[in-house]
Amino acid sequence: MIKMILAEDQAMLNSALTAILNLEDDLEVVGSYESGIVAWEQIQKQVPDIALLDIEMPQMTGLQIAQKINDEHLSTKSIILTTFANKSYFEQAVAAEVAGYLLKDSSSDDLISAIHQIMAGKVLYAPELVQSVLSGIANPLTVQEQNVLAGIAAGWTTAEISQKLFLSNGTVRNYISAILSKLAAKNRIEAVHVAQTQGWL
């Protein structure tokens, strides 16, 4: 059973999310709170598997809770649920090592799927949010990552990229994994599209 605490100051959304999540056989909301400070107190007491956190709440924000969870080395995984594509918020979430940064208007099925993936060890950031935040900021890719992505854009295979850039296949795969993560891309084609759209390729 995956135990969760929900911190959301909009009462209607709080109740709706709690009801939806509790319908799942392997999910249980063990507490839902409209105050950030109360949610943090309960997280310390119960140490749930997941903390679903709104950003803007009274007394303590979801980002502050996520940072405290990280600072205290709790086993709880933080998931930020937000409507804000805000660069500062996103940077704070990454610094707090949140496991998920998701949109509130995602479907309940997407949220439930995300919870299961995060419990399996994945880190999930909504691509729409990441790309919005990335817009207008410096290229996050290193020179070698750009070279690898240029090879992908040219239609080269991993083996061809390896040969042309004098890298091992494993190193190329590591670069590709880093590129997908930095650009919040699901696959190589999407990574090329994001980089070209931003003028980084």
Protein backbone atom coordinates (compact mmCIF):
# COMPACT_ATOMS: atom_id res chain seq x y z
CA MET A 1 0.00 0.00 0.00
CA ILE A 2 1.37 3.42 -1.00
CA LYS A 3 0.62 5.88 1.79
CA MET A 4 0.29 9.55 0.90
CA ILE A 5 -0.20 12.92 2.54
CA LEU A 6 -1.86 15.64 0.48
CA ALA A 7 -1.21 19.36 1.08
CA GLU A 8 -3.61 21.53 -0.95
CA ASP A 9 -5.25 24.72 0.29
CA GLN A 10 -8.18 24.65 -2.16
CA ALA A 11 -10.75 22.66 -0.19
CA MET A 12 -12.67 21.37 -3.23
CA LEU A 13 -9.56 20.15 -5.03
CA ASN A 14 -8.24 18.68 -1.79
CA SER A 15 -11.42 16.64 -1.30
CA ALA A 16 -11.62 15.58 -4.95
CA LEU A 17 -8.00 14.40 -5.09
CA THR A 18 -8.34 12.52 -1.82
CA ALA A 19 -11.47 10.72 -3.03
CA ILE A 20 -9.96 9.83 -6.42
CA LEU A 21 -6.70 8.51 -4.99
CA ASN A 22 -8.44 6.46 -2.30
CA LEU A 23 -10.39 4.62 -5.00
CA GLU A 24 -7.16 2.89 -6.06
CA ASP A 25 -6.54 -0.47 -4.40
CA ASP A 26 -2.88 0.26 -3.64
CA LEU A 27 -3.13 3.97 -2.75
CA GLU A 28 -4.17 5.47 0.59
CA VAL A 29 -4.34 9.16 1.52
CA VAL A 30 -3.51 9.02 5.24
CA GLY A 31 -3.97 12.75 5.68
CA SER A 32 -5.05 15.79 3.65
CA TYR A 33 -4.38 19.31 4.88
CA GLU A 34 -5.06 22.86 3.74
CA SER A 35 -2.21 24.30 5.83
CA GLY A 36 1.41 23.78 4.87
CA ILE A 37 2.67 23.85 8.44
CA VAL A 38 0.15 21.21 9.57
CA ALA A 39 1.02 19.04 6.56
CA TRP A 40 4.73 19.25 7.43
CA GLU A 41 4.04 18.30 11.06
CA GLN A 42 2.10 15.23 9.90
CA ILE A 43 4.74 14.27 7.34
CA GLN A 44 7.33 14.22 10.15
CA LYS A 45 5.07 12.07 12.32
CA GLN A 46 3.83 9.62 9.70
CA VAL A 47 6.65 9.64 7.10
CA PRO A 48 4.35 8.67 4.19
CA ASP A 49 5.67 7.19 0.95
CA ILE A 50 4.50 10.24 -1.03
CA ALA A 51 3.82 13.88 -0.19
CA LEU A 52 1.59 15.57 -2.81
CA LEU A 53 2.28 19.27 -2.40
CA ASP A 54 0.67 22.43 -3.73
CA ILE A 55 3.15 25.29 -4.10
CA GLU A 56 1.22 28.23 -2.67
CA MET A 57 -0.26 27.48 0.76
CA PRO A 58 -0.68 29.35 4.04
CA GLN A 59 2.21 29.38 6.54
CA MET A 60 4.46 27.05 4.56
CA THR A 61 4.64 26.47 0.80
CA GLY A 62 4.90 23.10 -0.88
CA LEU A 63 8.44 23.98 -1.99
CA GLN A 64 9.44 24.71 1.60
CA ILE A 65 7.98 21.37 2.69
CA ALA A 66 9.85 19.58 -0.09
CA GLN A 67 13.10 21.25 0.96
CA LYS A 68 12.57 20.23 4.60
CA ILE A 69 11.85 16.63 3.54
CA ASN A 70 15.15 16.68 1.65
CA ASP A 71 17.08 18.39 4.48
CA GLU A 72 15.77 15.90 7.05
CA HIS A 73 16.59 12.96 4.75
CA LEU A 74 13.10 11.52 5.08
CA SER A 75 12.20 8.57 2.86
CA THR A 76 9.08 10.44 1.67
CA LYS A 77 9.09 11.31 -2.03
CA SER A 78 7.84 14.82 -2.82
CA ILE A 79 5.53 15.52 -5.77
CA ILE A 80 4.74 19.16 -6.58
CA LEU A 81 1.29 19.70 -8.13
CA THR A 82 1.13 23.13 -9.73
CA THR A 83 -0.39 25.43 -12.30
CA PHE A 84 2.74 27.60 -12.28
CA ALA A 85 5.34 27.40 -15.08
CA ASN A 86 7.66 29.60 -13.05
CA LYS A 87 11.45 29.44 -13.47
CA SER A 88 12.16 30.27 -9.83
CA TYR A 89 9.69 27.68 -8.56
CA PHE A 90 11.12 25.04 -10.86
CA GLU A 91 14.70 25.78 -9.77
CA GLN A 92 13.66 25.52 -6.10
CA ALA A 93 11.90 22.20 -6.82
CA VAL A 94 15.00 20.79 -8.52
CA ALA A 95 17.19 22.01 -5.63
CA ALA A 96 14.85 20.24 -3.19
CA GLU A 97 15.26 17.06 -5.28
CA VAL A 98 11.53 16.58 -5.73
CA ALA A 99 10.54 13.32 -7.39
CA GLY A 100 7.78 14.90 -9.47
CA TYR A 101 6.76 18.33 -10.76
CA LEU A 102 3.36 17.91 -12.36
CA LEU A 103 0.47 19.97 -13.70
CA LYS A 104 -2.76 20.16 -11.74
CA ASP A 105 -4.82 19.85 -14.90
CA SER A 106 -3.32 16.45 -15.72
CA SER A 107 -5.85 13.62 -15.75
CA SER A 108 -6.30 11.50 -12.63
CA ASP A 109 -5.00 8.51 -14.61
CA ASP A 110 -1.81 10.42 -15.43
CA LEU A 111 -1.34 11.38 -11.78
CA ILE A 112 -1.87 7.80 -10.59
CA SER A 113 0.55 6.52 -13.23
CA ALA A 114 3.09 9.15 -12.16
CA ILE A 115 2.80 8.07 -8.51
CA HIS A 116 3.52 4.45 -9.45
CA GLN A 117 6.46 5.44 -11.66
CA ILE A 118 7.92 7.65 -8.94
CA MET A 119 7.58 4.86 -6.38
CA ALA A 120 9.50 2.69 -8.84
CA GLY A 121 12.36 5.19 -8.73
CA LYS A 122 11.67 7.54 -11.64
CA VAL A 123 11.82 11.34 -11.51
CA LEU A 124 9.05 13.00 -13.52
CA TYR A 125 8.84 16.64 -14.58
CA ALA A 126 5.91 17.70 -16.79
CA PRO A 127 7.46 18.43 -20.21
CA GLU A 128 5.11 21.39 -20.76
CA LEU A 129 6.40 23.04 -17.60
CA VAL A 130 10.04 22.29 -18.23
CA GLN A 131 9.97 23.58 -21.80
CA SER A 132 8.16 26.74 -20.72
CA VAL A 133 10.75 27.34 -18.02
CA LEU A 134 13.63 26.57 -20.37
CA SER A 135 12.38 29.12 -22.90
CA GLY A 136 14.69 32.07 -23.05
CA ILE A 137 17.38 30.66 -20.76
CA ALA A 138 20.88 29.48 -21.53
CA ASN A 139 21.50 26.22 -23.37
CA PRO A 140 21.72 23.51 -20.66
CA LEU A 141 23.62 21.11 -22.94
CA THR A 142 27.38 20.73 -22.86
CA VAL A 143 29.35 20.98 -26.11
CA GLN A 144 29.71 17.21 -26.33
CA GLU A 145 25.98 16.71 -25.65
CA GLN A 146 25.25 19.15 -28.48
CA ASN A 147 27.58 17.16 -30.75
CA VAL A 148 25.77 13.93 -29.88
CA LEU A 149 22.36 15.56 -30.43
CA ALA A 150 23.54 16.97 -33.77
CA GLY A 151 24.44 13.42 -34.77
CA ILE A 152 20.96 12.25 -33.77
CA ALA A 153 19.44 15.09 -35.81
CA ALA A 154 21.54 13.96 -38.78
CA GLY A 155 20.05 10.49 -38.49
CA TRP A 156 23.15 8.75 -37.18
CA THR A 157 22.84 5.57 -35.15
CA THR A 158 24.46 5.24 -31.73
CA ALA A 159 27.27 3.24 -33.33
CA GLU A 160 27.83 5.93 -35.97
CA ILE A 161 27.88 8.70 -33.35
CA SER A 162 30.34 6.63 -31.33
CA GLN A 163 32.62 6.16 -34.33
CA LYS A 164 32.49 9.75 -35.60
CA LEU A 165 32.96 11.37 -32.16
CA PHE A 166 35.54 8.79 -30.97
CA LEU A 167 33.42 7.77 -28.01
CA SER A 168 32.39 4.37 -26.66
CA ASN A 169 28.81 3.19 -27.22
CA GLY A 170 28.23 3.33 -23.45
CA THR A 171 29.43 6.92 -23.26
CA VAL A 172 27.14 7.93 -26.13
CA ARG A 173 24.19 6.27 -24.39
CA ASN A 174 25.04 8.17 -21.20
CA TYR A 175 25.13 11.44 -23.13
CA ILE A 176 21.76 10.66 -24.72
CA SER A 177 20.25 9.87 -21.30
CA ALA A 178 21.56 13.21 -19.96
CA ILE A 179 20.16 15.07 -22.99
CA LEU A 180 16.70 13.54 -22.57
CA SER A 181 16.71 14.39 -18.87
CA LYS A 182 17.88 18.00 -19.32
CA LEU A 183 15.35 18.68 -22.09
CA ALA A 184 12.52 16.71 -20.44
CA ALA A 185 12.16 14.80 -23.70
CA LYS A 186 10.52 11.38 -24.01
CA ASN A 187 12.70 10.28 -26.90
CA ARG A 188 15.48 11.39 -29.28
CA ILE A 189 13.12 12.95 -31.81
CA GLU A 190 11.49 15.11 -29.15
CA ALA A 191 14.93 16.13 -27.82
CA VAL A 192 15.97 17.30 -31.29
CA HIS A 193 12.71 19.24 -31.64
CA VAL A 194 13.14 20.98 -28.26
CA ALA A 195 16.75 21.93 -29.00
CA GLN A 196 15.93 23.22 -32.48
CA THR A 197 12.94 25.18 -31.16
CA GLN A 198 15.15 26.86 -28.53
CA GLY A 199 17.91 27.55 -31.06
CA TRP A 200 20.36 25.26 -29.25
CA LEU A 201 21.01 23.06 -32.27
